[in-house]
Amino acid sequence: MPNFFISVIILVALAIIAFFIWKKFAFQKHVDDNSNETKRFVRNKQVVKDLELNQQDLEILFHISDGCSNQEIANKTSMSVNTVNSKVRDLFSKLDVNRRSVAIKKARALKLIP
């Protein structure tokens, strides 16, 4: 009977040690995975100025990068769909692009959006 209790105590101790080792590595992996997310995005103000982008343009660009349709952007920004359509065309003209995917890629390269 005493051997049984000793075995149980050893198994419990090993389980606790294993848990803390696992927790340390799991937490470290989580920190490593999120290390890029904790970096603060800094918008390139000079490009914003050069392209004559206003706050609405940047907001629309952000929503486009989130995959929102013009209707969804209109709902989120309290603009009409026609206004959003016009703003998107103007934005594409300023960025010299014809498609949303190209606009997103160029905006990220220019550090206009994260």
C-alpha atoms as a PDB file:
ATOM      1  CA  MET A   1       0.000   0.000   0.000  1.00  0.00           C
ATOM      2  CA  PRO A   2       2.752   2.582   0.776  1.00  0.00           C
ATOM      3  CA  ASN A   3       4.315   1.890  -2.640  1.00  0.00           C
ATOM      4  CA  PHE A   4       0.981   2.745  -4.257  1.00  0.00           C
ATOM      5  CA  PHE A   5       0.823   6.160  -2.519  1.00  0.00           C
ATOM      6  CA  ILE A   6       4.424   6.905  -3.399  1.00  0.00           C
ATOM      7  CA  SER A   7       3.691   6.015  -7.035  1.00  0.00           C
ATOM      8  CA  VAL A   8       0.646   8.299  -7.050  1.00  0.00           C
ATOM      9  CA  ILE A   9       2.608  11.168  -5.504  1.00  0.00           C
ATOM     10  CA  ILE A  10       5.403  10.726  -8.054  1.00  0.00           C
ATOM     11  CA  LEU A  11       2.895  10.650 -10.938  1.00  0.00           C
ATOM     12  CA  VAL A  12       1.149  13.779  -9.667  1.00  0.00           C
ATOM     13  CA  ALA A  13       4.493  15.556  -9.244  1.00  0.00           C
ATOM     14  CA  LEU A  14       5.547  14.565 -12.762  1.00  0.00           C
ATOM     15  CA  ALA A  15       2.214  15.741 -14.146  1.00  0.00           C
ATOM     16  CA  ILE A  16       2.609  19.123 -12.424  1.00  0.00           C
ATOM     17  CA  ILE A  17       6.172  19.507 -13.699  1.00  0.00           C
ATOM     18  CA  ALA A  18       5.084  18.536 -17.226  1.00  0.00           C
ATOM     19  CA  PHE A  19       2.241  21.070 -17.074  1.00  0.00           C
ATOM     20  CA  PHE A  20       4.547  23.934 -16.100  1.00  0.00           C
ATOM     21  CA  ILE A  21       7.071  23.002 -18.780  1.00  0.00           C
ATOM     22  CA  TRP A  22       4.296  22.867 -21.381  1.00  0.00           C
ATOM     23  CA  LYS A  23       2.849  26.164 -20.160  1.00  0.00           C
ATOM     24  CA  LYS A  24       6.228  27.884 -20.461  1.00  0.00           C
ATOM     25  CA  PHE A  25       6.761  26.729 -24.045  1.00  0.00           C
ATOM     26  CA  ALA A  26       3.160  27.343 -25.077  1.00  0.00           C
ATOM     27  CA  PHE A  27       3.293  30.884 -23.682  1.00  0.00           C
ATOM     28  CA  GLN A  28       6.650  31.548 -25.339  1.00  0.00           C
ATOM     29  CA  LYS A  29       5.270  30.397 -28.699  1.00  0.00           C
ATOM     30  CA  HIS A  30       2.251  32.684 -28.229  1.00  0.00           C
ATOM     31  CA  VAL A  31       4.534  35.651 -27.509  1.00  0.00           C
ATOM     32  CA  ASP A  32       6.663  34.849 -30.577  1.00  0.00           C
ATOM     33  CA  ASP A  33       3.575  34.521 -32.810  1.00  0.00           C
ATOM     34  CA  ASN A  34       2.258  37.907 -31.703  1.00  0.00           C
ATOM     35  CA  SER A  35       5.563  39.758 -31.773  1.00  0.00           C
ATOM     36  CA  ASN A  36       4.810  41.203 -35.234  1.00  0.00           C
ATOM     37  CA  GLU A  37       1.337  42.273 -34.132  1.00  0.00           C
ATOM     38  CA  THR A  38       2.683  44.340 -31.269  1.00  0.00           C
ATOM     39  CA  LYS A  39       4.725  46.507 -33.589  1.00  0.00           C
ATOM     40  CA  ARG A  40       3.025  49.849 -34.000  1.00  0.00           C
ATOM     41  CA  PHE A  41       2.024  50.889 -37.515  1.00  0.00           C
ATOM     42  CA  VAL A  42       3.316  54.302 -38.563  1.00  0.00           C
ATOM     43  CA  ARG A  43       1.646  55.834 -41.596  1.00  0.00           C
ATOM     44  CA  ASN A  44       3.870  57.553 -44.133  1.00  0.00           C
ATOM     45  CA  LYS A  45       2.650  61.141 -43.772  1.00  0.00           C
ATOM     46  CA  GLN A  46       4.750  62.392 -46.660  1.00  0.00           C
ATOM     47  CA  VAL A  47       3.023  60.007 -49.089  1.00  0.00           C
ATOM     48  CA  VAL A  48      -0.365  61.041 -47.675  1.00  0.00           C
ATOM     49  CA  LYS A  49       0.570  64.656 -48.366  1.00  0.00           C
ATOM     50  CA  ASP A  50       2.062  63.943 -51.809  1.00  0.00           C
ATOM     51  CA  LEU A  51      -1.015  61.990 -52.945  1.00  0.00           C
ATOM     52  CA  GLU A  52      -3.332  64.568 -51.349  1.00  0.00           C
ATOM     53  CA  LEU A  53      -5.194  61.907 -49.384  1.00  0.00           C
ATOM     54  CA  ASN A  54      -7.649  63.045 -46.737  1.00  0.00           C
ATOM     55  CA  GLN A  55      -8.953  61.196 -43.696  1.00  0.00           C
ATOM     56  CA  GLN A  56     -11.966  59.850 -45.617  1.00  0.00           C
ATOM     57  CA  ASP A  57      -9.675  58.434 -48.312  1.00  0.00           C
ATOM     58  CA  LEU A  58      -7.603  56.651 -45.672  1.00  0.00           C
ATOM     59  CA  GLU A  59     -10.717  55.324 -43.947  1.00  0.00           C
ATOM     60  CA  ILE A  60     -12.096  53.970 -47.218  1.00  0.00           C
ATOM     61  CA  LEU A  61      -8.730  52.459 -48.065  1.00  0.00           C
ATOM     62  CA  PHE A  62      -8.659  50.749 -44.675  1.00  0.00           C
ATOM     63  CA  HIS A  63     -12.143  49.295 -45.246  1.00  0.00           C
ATOM     64  CA  ILE A  64     -11.158  48.129 -48.725  1.00  0.00           C
ATOM     65  CA  SER A  65      -8.168  46.342 -47.211  1.00  0.00           C
ATOM     66  CA  ASP A  66     -10.573  44.654 -44.776  1.00  0.00           C
ATOM     67  CA  GLY A  67     -12.438  43.251 -47.778  1.00  0.00           C
ATOM     68  CA  CYS A  68     -15.524  45.435 -47.452  1.00  0.00           C
ATOM     69  CA  SER A  69     -17.761  46.072 -50.433  1.00  0.00           C
ATOM     70  CA  ASN A  70     -18.815  49.612 -51.294  1.00  0.00           C
ATOM     71  CA  GLN A  71     -22.184  48.954 -49.662  1.00  0.00           C
ATOM     72  CA  GLU A  72     -20.485  47.762 -46.466  1.00  0.00           C
ATOM     73  CA  ILE A  73     -18.209  50.798 -46.485  1.00  0.00           C
ATOM     74  CA  ALA A  74     -21.255  53.046 -46.896  1.00  0.00           C
ATOM     75  CA  ASN A  75     -22.941  51.370 -43.929  1.00  0.00           C
ATOM     76  CA  LYS A  76     -19.844  51.687 -41.729  1.00  0.00           C
ATOM     77  CA  THR A  77     -19.082  55.299 -42.622  1.00  0.00           C
ATOM     78  CA  SER A  78     -22.624  56.705 -42.890  1.00  0.00           C
ATOM     79  CA  MET A  79     -22.002  57.744 -46.500  1.00  0.00           C
ATOM     80  CA  SER A  80     -24.235  56.939 -49.408  1.00  0.00           C
ATOM     81  CA  VAL A  81     -23.171  54.174 -51.766  1.00  0.00           C
ATOM     82  CA  ASN A  82     -22.860  56.732 -54.570  1.00  0.00           C
ATOM     83  CA  THR A  83     -20.474  58.810 -52.450  1.00  0.00           C
ATOM     84  CA  VAL A  84     -18.402  55.722 -51.652  1.00  0.00           C
ATOM     85  CA  ASN A  85     -18.311  54.764 -55.335  1.00  0.00           C
ATOM     86  CA  SER A  86     -17.092  58.239 -56.215  1.00  0.00           C
ATOM     87  CA  LYS A  87     -14.517  58.256 -53.390  1.00  0.00           C
ATOM     88  CA  VAL A  88     -13.207  54.825 -54.439  1.00  0.00           C
ATOM     89  CA  ARG A  89     -12.792  56.017 -58.047  1.00  0.00           C
ATOM     90  CA  ASP A  90     -10.955  59.142 -56.843  1.00  0.00           C
ATOM     91  CA  LEU A  91      -8.805  57.047 -54.533  1.00  0.00           C
ATOM     92  CA  PHE A  92      -7.911  54.640 -57.338  1.00  0.00           C
ATOM     93  CA  SER A  93      -7.003  57.617 -59.498  1.00  0.00           C
ATOM     94  CA  LYS A  94      -4.740  59.063 -56.788  1.00  0.00           C
ATOM     95  CA  LEU A  95      -3.042  55.680 -56.340  1.00  0.00           C
ATOM     96  CA  ASP A  96      -2.944  55.121 -60.120  1.00  0.00           C
ATOM     97  CA  VAL A  97      -4.583  51.687 -59.878  1.00  0.00           C
ATOM     98  CA  ASN A  98      -7.636  50.020 -61.402  1.00  0.00           C
ATOM     99  CA  ARG A  99      -8.419  47.209 -58.941  1.00  0.00           C
ATOM    100  CA  ARG A 100      -8.961  46.855 -55.212  1.00  0.00           C
ATOM    101  CA  SER A 101      -6.278  44.195 -54.816  1.00  0.00           C
ATOM    102  CA  VAL A 102      -3.702  46.389 -56.532  1.00  0.00           C
ATOM    103  CA  ALA A 103      -4.782  49.375 -54.417  1.00  0.00           C
ATOM    104  CA  ILE A 104      -4.279  47.357 -51.233  1.00  0.00           C
ATOM    105  CA  LYS A 105      -0.880  46.100 -52.349  1.00  0.00           C
ATOM    106  CA  LYS A 106       0.293  49.583 -53.332  1.00  0.00           C
ATOM    107  CA  ALA A 107      -1.117  51.181 -50.166  1.00  0.00           C
ATOM    108  CA  ARG A 108       0.758  48.666 -48.009  1.00  0.00           C
ATOM    109  CA  ALA A 109       3.965  49.219 -49.965  1.00  0.00           C
ATOM    110  CA  LEU A 110       3.575  52.977 -49.459  1.00  0.00           C
ATOM    111  CA  LYS A 111       2.790  52.433 -45.757  1.00  0.00           C
ATOM    112  CA  LEU A 112      -0.641  53.986 -45.988  1.00  0.00           C
ATOM    113  CA  ILE A 113      -2.310  51.007 -44.293  1.00  0.00           C
ATOM    114  CA  PRO A 114      -1.000  48.259 -42.003  1.00  0.00           C
END
